[in-house]
Amino acid sequence: MATKSVVAEVREITLAIELIELGARLQLLEAETSLSRDRLIKLYKELKGASPPKGMLPFSTDWFMTWQPNIHSSLFHGIYRFIDAHGGAGGTQSTIQAIVKSYRLYLEHAALYGDEPVLSLTRAWTLVRYFESGMLQTNACTRCGGRFVAHAYELRAGYVCGLCQPPSRAGKTRKAGASVGVSGEAGQFAA
């Protein structure tokens, strides 16, 4: 019988706690930790005081293409690319650690501008997986030069982002009068 490392188990539990606190779904926890489903459910109930939400994870890339989700997912992906390239000590950080760091920075940015985060941790994790599988890519806006999430193999000529050319109904929500979106500055998405 192989012996389990207590330190490795503590790391797994710590990661699971951090992911649950950030709003991770059970499927994400199962994919990123080696803890059993029963143990994850107990941990989730202990931390949140309720059972984990049921249902399937997002499975379509189309959600990331609509106006506001595209802006938020593009912001997150830009942060993630930077953290993944420069955030680890000698390249030793895992993908999930880079996602967690990037998601925390994304939340701070949204809070800085008084916006509610549009992207959940589960969607951010899914976004990274879509990029890794080649289903998504980034396109450069011809006006601001920012890089925005787009379907893979989509034509790139003349691409204009949702910040430079918002759709006619953009910002027509109840909160619209006080908030412009993530921010009016498209340049912060530049790579």
N, C-alpha and C. Protein backbone atom coordinates (compact mmCIF):
# COMPACT_ATOMS: atom_id res chain seq x y z
N MET A 1 0.84 -1.17 0.00
CA MET A 1 0.00 0.00 0.00
C MET A 1 0.89 1.25 0.00
N ALA A 2 0.65 2.14 -0.91
CA ALA A 2 1.45 3.36 -1.01
C ALA A 2 1.02 4.34 0.09
N THR A 3 2.01 5.00 0.66
CA THR A 3 1.69 5.97 1.70
C THR A 3 1.46 7.33 1.08
N LYS A 4 0.48 8.03 1.61
CA LYS A 4 0.16 9.38 1.12
C LYS A 4 0.97 10.40 1.89
N SER A 5 1.43 11.39 1.20
CA SER A 5 2.18 12.46 1.84
C SER A 5 1.20 13.41 2.52
N VAL A 6 1.44 13.68 3.78
CA VAL A 6 0.59 14.59 4.54
C VAL A 6 0.72 16.00 3.97
N VAL A 7 1.93 16.38 3.60
CA VAL A 7 2.16 17.72 3.05
C VAL A 7 1.43 17.88 1.71
N ALA A 8 1.47 16.87 0.86
CA ALA A 8 0.77 16.94 -0.43
C ALA A 8 -0.73 17.04 -0.22
N GLU A 9 -1.24 16.30 0.77
CA GLU A 9 -2.68 16.35 1.06
C GLU A 9 -3.09 17.73 1.57
N VAL A 10 -2.25 18.33 2.41
CA VAL A 10 -2.53 19.68 2.93
C VAL A 10 -2.54 20.68 1.78
N ARG A 11 -1.62 20.54 0.84
CA ARG A 11 -1.59 21.43 -0.33
C ARG A 11 -2.86 21.30 -1.16
N GLU A 12 -3.32 20.05 -1.35
CA GLU A 12 -4.55 19.81 -2.10
C GLU A 12 -5.76 20.44 -1.41
N ILE A 13 -5.84 20.28 -0.10
CA ILE A 13 -6.95 20.84 0.67
C ILE A 13 -6.89 22.37 0.64
N THR A 14 -5.70 22.93 0.78
CA THR A 14 -5.53 24.39 0.73
C THR A 14 -5.96 24.93 -0.62
N LEU A 15 -5.56 24.25 -1.70
CA LEU A 15 -5.97 24.67 -3.04
C LEU A 15 -7.48 24.58 -3.18
N ALA A 16 -8.07 23.49 -2.72
CA ALA A 16 -9.52 23.32 -2.81
C ALA A 16 -10.24 24.42 -2.04
N ILE A 17 -9.75 24.76 -0.85
CA ILE A 17 -10.37 25.83 -0.05
C ILE A 17 -10.29 27.15 -0.80
N GLU A 18 -9.13 27.46 -1.37
CA GLU A 18 -8.96 28.71 -2.11
C GLU A 18 -9.89 28.76 -3.32
N LEU A 19 -10.02 27.65 -4.03
CA LEU A 19 -10.89 27.60 -5.20
C LEU A 19 -12.36 27.74 -4.80
N ILE A 20 -12.76 27.09 -3.73
CA ILE A 20 -14.14 27.20 -3.26
C ILE A 20 -14.46 28.63 -2.84
N GLU A 21 -13.53 29.27 -2.13
CA GLU A 21 -13.75 30.65 -1.71
C GLU A 21 -13.87 31.60 -2.89
N LEU A 22 -13.24 31.26 -4.01
CA LEU A 22 -13.34 32.09 -5.21
C LEU A 22 -14.55 31.72 -6.06
N GLY A 23 -15.31 30.71 -5.64
CA GLY A 23 -16.55 30.36 -6.34
C GLY A 23 -16.44 29.22 -7.32
N ALA A 24 -15.43 28.36 -7.18
CA ALA A 24 -15.26 27.24 -8.10
C ALA A 24 -16.40 26.24 -7.99
N ARG A 25 -16.77 25.69 -9.12
CA ARG A 25 -17.76 24.62 -9.16
C ARG A 25 -17.09 23.29 -8.83
N LEU A 26 -17.89 22.30 -8.46
CA LEU A 26 -17.38 21.00 -8.07
C LEU A 26 -16.56 20.33 -9.18
N GLN A 27 -16.99 20.47 -10.43
CA GLN A 27 -16.27 19.86 -11.54
C GLN A 27 -14.85 20.41 -11.66
N LEU A 28 -14.70 21.71 -11.43
CA LEU A 28 -13.38 22.34 -11.46
C LEU A 28 -12.52 21.77 -10.34
N LEU A 29 -13.09 21.65 -9.15
CA LEU A 29 -12.35 21.10 -8.01
C LEU A 29 -11.90 19.67 -8.29
N GLU A 30 -12.77 18.87 -8.87
CA GLU A 30 -12.41 17.49 -9.19
C GLU A 30 -11.30 17.42 -10.23
N ALA A 31 -11.30 18.32 -11.18
CA ALA A 31 -10.28 18.32 -12.23
C ALA A 31 -8.93 18.80 -11.73
N GLU A 32 -8.92 19.72 -10.78
CA GLU A 32 -7.67 20.34 -10.36
C GLU A 32 -7.08 19.82 -9.05
N THR A 33 -7.82 18.98 -8.34
CA THR A 33 -7.28 18.40 -7.11
C THR A 33 -7.43 16.88 -7.18
N SER A 34 -6.72 16.19 -6.33
CA SER A 34 -6.82 14.72 -6.29
C SER A 34 -7.72 14.25 -5.14
N LEU A 35 -8.44 15.20 -4.51
CA LEU A 35 -9.34 14.85 -3.42
C LEU A 35 -10.58 14.15 -3.97
N SER A 36 -11.15 13.27 -3.17
CA SER A 36 -12.34 12.54 -3.62
C SER A 36 -13.54 13.49 -3.71
N ARG A 37 -14.52 13.07 -4.50
CA ARG A 37 -15.73 13.87 -4.66
C ARG A 37 -16.44 14.08 -3.32
N ASP A 38 -16.54 13.01 -2.53
CA ASP A 38 -17.20 13.11 -1.22
C ASP A 38 -16.48 14.11 -0.32
N ARG A 39 -15.17 14.06 -0.33
CA ARG A 39 -14.39 14.97 0.50
C ARG A 39 -14.57 16.43 0.04
N LEU A 40 -14.60 16.62 -1.28
CA LEU A 40 -14.80 17.97 -1.82
C LEU A 40 -16.19 18.51 -1.47
N ILE A 41 -17.19 17.65 -1.52
CA ILE A 41 -18.55 18.07 -1.17
C ILE A 41 -18.62 18.47 0.30
N LYS A 42 -18.01 17.66 1.17
CA LYS A 42 -17.98 17.98 2.60
C LYS A 42 -17.25 19.31 2.85
N LEU A 43 -16.13 19.50 2.17
CA LEU A 43 -15.36 20.73 2.31
C LEU A 43 -16.17 21.93 1.82
N TYR A 44 -16.86 21.76 0.70
CA TYR A 44 -17.70 22.82 0.14
C TYR A 44 -18.81 23.20 1.13
N LYS A 45 -19.49 22.18 1.67
CA LYS A 45 -20.58 22.43 2.62
C LYS A 45 -20.06 23.12 3.87
N GLU A 46 -18.89 22.73 4.34
CA GLU A 46 -18.31 23.33 5.53
C GLU A 46 -17.97 24.80 5.30
N LEU A 47 -17.45 25.12 4.12
CA LEU A 47 -17.04 26.50 3.83
C LEU A 47 -18.22 27.40 3.45
N LYS A 48 -19.12 26.88 2.63
CA LYS A 48 -20.21 27.70 2.11
C LYS A 48 -21.53 27.55 2.86
N GLY A 49 -21.64 26.48 3.66
CA GLY A 49 -22.87 26.25 4.40
C GLY A 49 -24.00 25.74 3.54
N ALA A 50 -23.68 25.29 2.34
CA ALA A 50 -24.68 24.75 1.41
C ALA A 50 -24.01 23.75 0.48
N SER A 51 -24.83 22.95 -0.16
CA SER A 51 -24.29 21.99 -1.13
C SER A 51 -23.77 22.74 -2.36
N PRO A 52 -22.80 22.15 -3.06
CA PRO A 52 -22.31 22.80 -4.28
C PRO A 52 -23.41 22.84 -5.35
N PRO A 53 -23.40 23.86 -6.20
CA PRO A 53 -24.42 23.94 -7.25
C PRO A 53 -24.31 22.76 -8.21
N LYS A 54 -25.45 22.34 -8.69
CA LYS A 54 -25.49 21.22 -9.62
C LYS A 54 -25.60 21.76 -11.04
N GLY A 55 -25.38 20.90 -11.98
CA GLY A 55 -25.51 21.28 -13.38
C GLY A 55 -24.19 21.19 -14.12
N MET A 56 -24.31 21.34 -15.42
CA MET A 56 -23.14 21.22 -16.28
C MET A 56 -22.32 22.50 -16.27
N LEU A 57 -21.05 22.36 -16.59
CA LEU A 57 -20.18 23.52 -16.75
C LEU A 57 -20.47 24.18 -18.10
N PRO A 58 -20.07 25.44 -18.25
CA PRO A 58 -20.22 26.08 -19.55
C PRO A 58 -19.46 25.27 -20.61
N PHE A 59 -20.07 25.10 -21.78
CA PHE A 59 -19.40 24.28 -22.78
C PHE A 59 -19.34 24.96 -24.15
N SER A 60 -19.78 26.17 -24.25
CA SER A 60 -19.78 26.86 -25.53
C SER A 60 -18.85 28.06 -25.49
N THR A 61 -18.13 28.25 -26.57
CA THR A 61 -17.26 29.42 -26.69
C THR A 61 -18.06 30.69 -26.99
N ASP A 62 -19.31 30.54 -27.39
CA ASP A 62 -20.12 31.70 -27.80
C ASP A 62 -20.35 32.70 -26.67
N TRP A 63 -20.43 32.24 -25.42
CA TRP A 63 -20.65 33.15 -24.29
C TRP A 63 -19.56 34.21 -24.24
N PHE A 64 -18.33 33.84 -24.57
CA PHE A 64 -17.19 34.75 -24.50
C PHE A 64 -17.19 35.78 -25.63
N MET A 65 -18.07 35.62 -26.61
CA MET A 65 -18.09 36.52 -27.77
C MET A 65 -19.07 37.69 -27.60
N THR A 66 -20.00 37.59 -26.66
CA THR A 66 -20.94 38.69 -26.48
C THR A 66 -20.22 39.88 -25.86
N TRP A 67 -20.79 41.06 -25.97
CA TRP A 67 -20.09 42.31 -25.70
C TRP A 67 -19.39 42.37 -24.35
N GLN A 68 -20.13 42.42 -23.26
CA GLN A 68 -19.52 42.58 -21.94
C GLN A 68 -18.68 41.37 -21.52
N PRO A 69 -19.16 40.13 -21.70
CA PRO A 69 -18.29 38.99 -21.38
C PRO A 69 -16.99 38.99 -22.19
N ASN A 70 -17.03 39.47 -23.43
CA ASN A 70 -15.82 39.51 -24.24
C ASN A 70 -14.80 40.48 -23.67
N ILE A 71 -15.26 41.62 -23.20
CA ILE A 71 -14.36 42.61 -22.62
C ILE A 71 -13.73 42.05 -21.33
N HIS A 72 -14.55 41.48 -20.47
CA HIS A 72 -14.06 40.94 -19.21
C HIS A 72 -13.15 39.73 -19.43
N SER A 73 -13.53 38.84 -20.34
CA SER A 73 -12.69 37.66 -20.58
C SER A 73 -11.39 38.06 -21.27
N SER A 74 -11.41 39.09 -22.09
CA SER A 74 -10.18 39.58 -22.72
C SER A 74 -9.25 40.18 -21.67
N LEU A 75 -9.82 40.93 -20.73
CA LEU A 75 -9.03 41.48 -19.63
C LEU A 75 -8.40 40.35 -18.83
N PHE A 76 -9.21 39.37 -18.43
CA PHE A 76 -8.69 38.25 -17.66
C PHE A 76 -7.61 37.51 -18.44
N HIS A 77 -7.84 37.26 -19.71
CA HIS A 77 -6.87 36.48 -20.49
C HIS A 77 -5.55 37.24 -20.64
N GLY A 78 -5.61 38.56 -20.77
CA GLY A 78 -4.38 39.35 -20.82
C GLY A 78 -3.60 39.24 -19.52
N ILE A 79 -4.31 39.32 -18.40
CA ILE A 79 -3.66 39.16 -17.09
C ILE A 79 -3.07 37.76 -16.98
N TYR A 80 -3.85 36.76 -17.39
CA TYR A 80 -3.39 35.38 -17.29
C TYR A 80 -2.13 35.16 -18.13
N ARG A 81 -2.12 35.66 -19.35
CA ARG A 81 -0.93 35.49 -20.21
C ARG A 81 0.30 36.07 -19.53
N PHE A 82 0.16 37.25 -18.92
CA PHE A 82 1.29 37.89 -18.26
C PHE A 82 1.73 37.08 -17.04
N ILE A 83 0.78 36.69 -16.20
CA ILE A 83 1.09 35.92 -14.98
C ILE A 83 1.73 34.58 -15.36
N ASP A 84 1.18 33.94 -16.37
CA ASP A 84 1.71 32.64 -16.79
C ASP A 84 3.15 32.77 -17.29
N ALA A 85 3.43 33.85 -17.98
CA ALA A 85 4.78 34.05 -18.52
C ALA A 85 5.76 34.57 -17.47
N HIS A 86 5.30 35.42 -16.55
CA HIS A 86 6.23 36.10 -15.64
C HIS A 86 5.96 35.87 -14.16
N GLY A 87 4.87 35.24 -13.80
CA GLY A 87 4.47 35.18 -12.40
C GLY A 87 5.04 34.05 -11.58
N GLY A 88 5.54 33.00 -12.22
CA GLY A 88 6.04 31.86 -11.46
C GLY A 88 7.50 32.00 -11.12
N ALA A 89 7.88 31.37 -10.03
CA ALA A 89 9.28 31.36 -9.63
C ALA A 89 10.01 30.34 -10.48
N GLY A 90 10.63 30.80 -11.55
CA GLY A 90 11.37 29.89 -12.41
C GLY A 90 10.48 28.95 -13.20
N GLY A 91 9.23 29.35 -13.46
CA GLY A 91 8.32 28.53 -14.24
C GLY A 91 7.77 27.33 -13.48
N THR A 92 7.77 27.38 -12.16
CA THR A 92 7.33 26.23 -11.37
C THR A 92 5.84 26.27 -11.02
N GLN A 93 5.15 27.37 -11.31
CA GLN A 93 3.74 27.42 -10.93
C GLN A 93 2.90 26.62 -11.92
N SER A 94 1.84 26.04 -11.41
CA SER A 94 0.94 25.26 -12.25
C SER A 94 -0.06 26.19 -12.94
N THR A 95 -0.77 25.64 -13.89
CA THR A 95 -1.79 26.41 -14.60
C THR A 95 -2.85 26.92 -13.64
N ILE A 96 -3.29 26.08 -12.71
CA ILE A 96 -4.35 26.51 -11.78
C ILE A 96 -3.85 27.62 -10.87
N GLN A 97 -2.60 27.60 -10.47
CA GLN A 97 -2.05 28.68 -9.65
C GLN A 97 -2.03 29.98 -10.45
N ALA A 98 -1.67 29.91 -11.72
CA ALA A 98 -1.68 31.11 -12.57
C ALA A 98 -3.10 31.62 -12.77
N ILE A 99 -4.06 30.71 -12.90
CA ILE A 99 -5.46 31.11 -13.06
C ILE A 99 -5.95 31.81 -11.79
N VAL A 100 -5.62 31.26 -10.62
CA VAL A 100 -6.06 31.85 -9.36
C VAL A 100 -5.46 33.25 -9.18
N LYS A 101 -4.17 33.40 -9.43
CA LYS A 101 -3.53 34.71 -9.32
C LYS A 101 -4.16 35.71 -10.30
N SER A 102 -4.37 35.26 -11.52
CA SER A 102 -4.95 36.13 -12.55
C SER A 102 -6.38 36.51 -12.19
N TYR A 103 -7.15 35.56 -11.67
CA TYR A 103 -8.53 35.83 -11.31
C TYR A 103 -8.62 36.82 -10.16
N ARG A 104 -7.71 36.70 -9.19
CA ARG A 104 -7.69 37.67 -8.09
C ARG A 104 -7.39 39.08 -8.62
N LEU A 105 -6.45 39.20 -9.54
CA LEU A 105 -6.15 40.51 -10.14
C LEU A 105 -7.34 41.03 -10.94
N TYR A 106 -8.01 40.14 -11.66
CA TYR A 106 -9.21 40.53 -12.41
C TYR A 106 -10.27 41.08 -11.45
N LEU A 107 -10.51 40.39 -10.33
CA LEU A 107 -11.49 40.86 -9.34
C LEU A 107 -11.11 42.22 -8.79
N GLU A 108 -9.82 42.43 -8.51
CA GLU A 108 -9.36 43.72 -8.01
C GLU A 108 -9.60 44.81 -9.04
N HIS A 109 -9.35 44.51 -10.30
CA HIS A 109 -9.56 45.50 -11.36
C HIS A 109 -11.04 45.86 -11.49
N ALA A 110 -11.89 44.86 -11.46
CA ALA A 110 -13.34 45.11 -11.55
C ALA A 110 -13.80 45.96 -10.37
N ALA A 111 -13.32 45.65 -9.18
CA ALA A 111 -13.69 46.41 -7.98
C ALA A 111 -13.18 47.84 -8.05
N LEU A 112 -12.00 48.01 -8.63
CA LEU A 112 -11.40 49.34 -8.75
C LEU A 112 -12.29 50.29 -9.55
N TYR A 113 -12.96 49.74 -10.58
CA TYR A 113 -13.84 50.56 -11.41
C TYR A 113 -15.30 50.45 -11.00
N GLY A 114 -15.56 49.80 -9.86
CA GLY A 114 -16.92 49.72 -9.35
C GLY A 114 -17.81 48.78 -10.12
N ASP A 115 -17.24 47.88 -10.89
CA ASP A 115 -18.02 46.93 -11.67
C ASP A 115 -18.19 45.62 -10.93
N GLU A 116 -19.29 44.95 -11.21
CA GLU A 116 -19.47 43.58 -10.75
C GLU A 116 -18.68 42.70 -11.71
N PRO A 117 -17.95 41.73 -11.20
CA PRO A 117 -17.23 40.83 -12.12
C PRO A 117 -18.21 40.02 -12.96
N VAL A 118 -17.98 39.98 -14.24
CA VAL A 118 -18.84 39.23 -15.15
C VAL A 118 -18.35 37.79 -15.25
N LEU A 119 -17.06 37.62 -15.12
CA LEU A 119 -16.41 36.32 -15.30
C LEU A 119 -16.30 35.61 -13.95
N SER A 120 -16.86 34.41 -13.86
CA SER A 120 -16.69 33.60 -12.66
C SER A 120 -15.37 32.83 -12.77
N LEU A 121 -14.91 32.30 -11.65
CA LEU A 121 -13.67 31.52 -11.69
C LEU A 121 -13.83 30.32 -12.62
N THR A 122 -14.99 29.69 -12.59
CA THR A 122 -15.22 28.53 -13.45
C THR A 122 -15.16 28.92 -14.92
N ARG A 123 -15.73 30.06 -15.27
CA ARG A 123 -15.65 30.52 -16.67
C ARG A 123 -14.22 30.89 -17.04
N ALA A 124 -13.49 31.50 -16.11
CA ALA A 124 -12.09 31.85 -16.37
C ALA A 124 -11.26 30.59 -16.62
N TRP A 125 -11.48 29.57 -15.81
CA TRP A 125 -10.80 28.29 -15.97
C TRP A 125 -11.16 27.66 -17.32
N THR A 126 -12.44 27.73 -17.67
CA THR A 126 -12.91 27.20 -18.95
C THR A 126 -12.28 27.96 -20.11
N LEU A 127 -12.18 29.27 -19.97
CA LEU A 127 -11.56 30.11 -21.00
C LEU A 127 -10.13 29.66 -21.27
N VAL A 128 -9.36 29.46 -20.22
CA VAL A 128 -7.97 29.01 -20.38
C VAL A 128 -7.93 27.66 -21.08
N ARG A 129 -8.82 26.77 -20.71
CA ARG A 129 -8.87 25.45 -21.36
C ARG A 129 -9.23 25.57 -22.84
N TYR A 130 -10.13 26.50 -23.19
CA TYR A 130 -10.47 26.71 -24.59
C TYR A 130 -9.27 27.22 -25.39
N PHE A 131 -8.48 28.10 -24.78
CA PHE A 131 -7.27 28.58 -25.44
C PHE A 131 -6.27 27.45 -25.62
N GLU A 132 -6.09 26.63 -24.57
CA GLU A 132 -5.15 25.52 -24.65
C GLU A 132 -5.54 24.49 -25.70
N SER A 133 -6.84 24.32 -25.90
CA SER A 133 -7.31 23.34 -26.89
C SER A 133 -7.40 23.92 -28.30
N GLY A 134 -7.12 25.21 -28.45
CA GLY A 134 -7.14 25.82 -29.77
C GLY A 134 -8.52 26.26 -30.26
N MET A 135 -9.50 26.29 -29.37
CA MET A 135 -10.84 26.71 -29.75
C MET A 135 -10.98 28.23 -29.79
N LEU A 136 -10.15 28.93 -29.02
CA LEU A 136 -10.18 30.39 -28.98
C LEU A 136 -8.79 30.94 -29.26
N GLN A 137 -8.76 32.18 -29.67
CA GLN A 137 -7.52 32.91 -29.91
C GLN A 137 -7.79 34.37 -29.57
N THR A 138 -6.80 35.23 -29.74
CA THR A 138 -7.06 36.65 -29.58
C THR A 138 -6.88 37.35 -30.92
N ASN A 139 -7.69 38.36 -31.13
CA ASN A 139 -7.57 39.21 -32.31
C ASN A 139 -7.19 40.61 -31.86
N ALA A 140 -6.37 41.29 -32.63
CA ALA A 140 -5.98 42.66 -32.32
C ALA A 140 -6.99 43.62 -32.94
N CYS A 141 -7.43 44.59 -32.15
CA CYS A 141 -8.35 45.61 -32.64
C CYS A 141 -7.57 46.55 -33.56
N THR A 142 -8.15 46.88 -34.70
CA THR A 142 -7.46 47.77 -35.65
C THR A 142 -7.46 49.22 -35.19
N ARG A 143 -8.32 49.57 -34.23
CA ARG A 143 -8.35 50.95 -33.73
C ARG A 143 -7.47 51.17 -32.52
N CYS A 144 -7.63 50.34 -31.49
CA CYS A 144 -6.89 50.57 -30.24
C CYS A 144 -5.67 49.66 -30.09
N GLY A 145 -5.61 48.59 -30.85
CA GLY A 145 -4.48 47.68 -30.78
C GLY A 145 -4.60 46.65 -29.66
N GLY A 146 -5.67 46.70 -28.87
CA GLY A 146 -5.87 45.74 -27.79
C GLY A 146 -6.15 44.35 -28.36
N ARG A 147 -5.88 43.34 -27.55
CA ARG A 147 -6.11 41.95 -27.96
C ARG A 147 -7.37 41.44 -27.27
N PHE A 148 -8.29 40.91 -28.06
CA PHE A 148 -9.59 40.49 -27.56
C PHE A 148 -9.86 39.04 -27.94
N VAL A 149 -10.59 38.35 -27.07
CA VAL A 149 -10.93 36.95 -27.28
C VAL A 149 -11.80 36.82 -28.52
N ALA A 150 -11.47 35.83 -29.35
CA ALA A 150 -12.24 35.56 -30.56
C ALA A 150 -12.20 34.06 -30.84
N HIS A 151 -13.12 33.60 -31.68
CA HIS A 151 -13.10 32.21 -32.10
C HIS A 151 -11.82 31.93 -32.87
N ALA A 152 -11.30 30.74 -32.75
CA ALA A 152 -10.12 30.35 -33.50
C ALA A 152 -10.47 30.32 -34.99
N TYR A 153 -9.54 30.68 -35.78
CA TYR A 153 -9.65 30.65 -37.25
C TYR A 153 -10.70 31.62 -37.79
N GLU A 154 -11.07 32.60 -36.98
CA GLU A 154 -11.99 33.64 -37.43
C GLU A 154 -11.19 34.64 -38.26
N LEU A 155 -11.81 35.20 -39.25
CA LEU A 155 -11.12 36.19 -40.07
C LEU A 155 -10.75 37.39 -39.21
N ARG A 156 -9.52 37.87 -39.35
CA ARG A 156 -9.02 38.94 -38.50
C ARG A 156 -9.02 40.31 -39.17
N ALA A 157 -9.11 40.38 -40.45
CA ALA A 157 -8.97 41.65 -41.16
C ALA A 157 -10.06 42.64 -40.72
N GLY A 158 -9.64 43.83 -40.32
CA GLY A 158 -10.58 44.89 -39.96
C GLY A 158 -11.30 44.69 -38.65
N TYR A 159 -10.80 43.88 -37.75
CA TYR A 159 -11.47 43.61 -36.48
C TYR A 159 -11.49 44.87 -35.62
N VAL A 160 -12.68 45.22 -35.11
CA VAL A 160 -12.85 46.35 -34.20
C VAL A 160 -13.49 45.80 -32.93
N CYS A 161 -12.88 46.10 -31.78
CA CYS A 161 -13.34 45.54 -30.51
C CYS A 161 -14.64 46.18 -30.02
N GLY A 162 -15.21 45.59 -28.99
CA GLY A 162 -16.45 46.07 -28.40
C GLY A 162 -16.29 47.35 -27.59
N LEU A 163 -15.06 47.73 -27.25
CA LEU A 163 -14.84 49.00 -26.57
C LEU A 163 -14.79 50.15 -27.56
N CYS A 164 -14.16 49.92 -28.70
CA CYS A 164 -14.06 50.96 -29.73
C CYS A 164 -15.38 51.14 -30.48
N GLN A 165 -16.11 50.07 -30.64
CA GLN A 165 -17.39 50.12 -31.36
C GLN A 165 -18.41 49.27 -30.61
N PRO A 166 -18.95 49.82 -29.50
CA PRO A 166 -19.92 49.04 -28.72
C PRO A 166 -21.22 48.83 -29.50
N PRO A 167 -21.91 47.73 -29.23
CA PRO A 167 -23.19 47.52 -29.90
C PRO A 167 -24.20 48.58 -29.47
N SER A 168 -25.23 48.78 -30.25
CA SER A 168 -26.18 49.86 -30.00
C SER A 168 -26.86 49.77 -28.64
N ARG A 169 -27.05 48.58 -28.10
CA ARG A 169 -27.72 48.42 -26.82
C ARG A 169 -26.75 48.27 -25.65
N ALA A 170 -25.48 48.44 -25.89
CA ALA A 170 -24.48 48.27 -24.83
C ALA A 170 -24.68 49.32 -23.75
N GLY A 171 -24.65 48.88 -22.51
CA GLY A 171 -24.77 49.81 -21.39
C GLY A 171 -26.18 50.27 -21.11
N LYS A 172 -27.17 49.66 -21.69
CA LYS A 172 -28.57 50.07 -21.49
C LYS A 172 -29.21 49.32 -20.32
N THR A 173 -28.41 48.90 -19.36
CA THR A 173 -28.94 48.19 -18.20
C THR A 173 -29.31 49.19 -17.12
N ARG A 174 -29.84 48.72 -16.02
CA ARG A 174 -30.25 49.58 -14.91
C ARG A 174 -29.08 50.36 -14.33
N LYS A 175 -27.91 49.74 -14.27
CA LYS A 175 -26.74 50.37 -13.69
C LYS A 175 -26.01 51.29 -14.66
N ALA A 176 -26.44 51.35 -15.89
CA ALA A 176 -25.66 51.97 -16.96
C ALA A 176 -25.29 53.42 -16.73
N GLY A 177 -26.16 54.19 -16.19
CA GLY A 177 -25.88 55.62 -16.05
C GLY A 177 -24.63 55.92 -15.26
N ALA A 178 -24.35 55.14 -14.24
CA ALA A 178 -23.20 55.41 -13.37
C ALA A 178 -21.92 54.74 -13.84
N SER A 179 -22.01 53.69 -14.62
CA SER A 179 -20.82 52.92 -14.97
C SER A 179 -20.68 52.79 -16.47
N VAL A 180 -19.45 52.87 -16.95
CA VAL A 180 -19.19 52.76 -18.39
C VAL A 180 -18.87 51.33 -18.78
N GLY A 181 -18.55 50.46 -17.89
CA GLY A 181 -18.12 49.09 -18.19
C GLY A 181 -16.88 48.81 -17.39
N VAL A 182 -16.01 47.99 -17.93
CA VAL A 182 -14.77 47.67 -17.24
C VAL A 182 -13.98 48.93 -17.05
N SER A 183 -13.87 49.72 -18.07
CA SER A 183 -13.35 51.08 -18.06
C SER A 183 -13.36 51.55 -19.48
N GLY A 184 -13.33 52.82 -19.68
CA GLY A 184 -13.36 53.34 -21.03
C GLY A 184 -12.03 53.28 -21.73
N GLU A 185 -11.02 52.74 -21.09
CA GLU A 185 -9.68 52.77 -21.65
C GLU A 185 -9.37 51.45 -22.32
N ALA A 186 -9.44 51.41 -23.64
CA ALA A 186 -9.17 50.19 -24.36
C ALA A 186 -7.70 49.82 -24.35
N GLY A 187 -6.83 50.78 -24.17
CA GLY A 187 -5.40 50.54 -24.25
C GLY A 187 -4.88 49.57 -23.21
N GLN A 188 -5.58 49.39 -22.10
CA GLN A 188 -5.09 48.49 -21.07
C GLN A 188 -5.19 47.02 -21.48
N PHE A 189 -5.86 46.73 -22.58
CA PHE A 189 -5.94 45.35 -23.06
C PHE A 189 -4.80 45.02 -24.00
N ALA A 190 -3.99 46.00 -24.35
CA ALA A 190 -2.91 45.77 -25.29
C ALA A 190 -1.89 44.80 -24.70
N ALA A 191 -1.40 43.96 -25.54
CA ALA A 191 -0.42 42.96 -25.08
C ALA A 191 0.97 43.54 -25.08
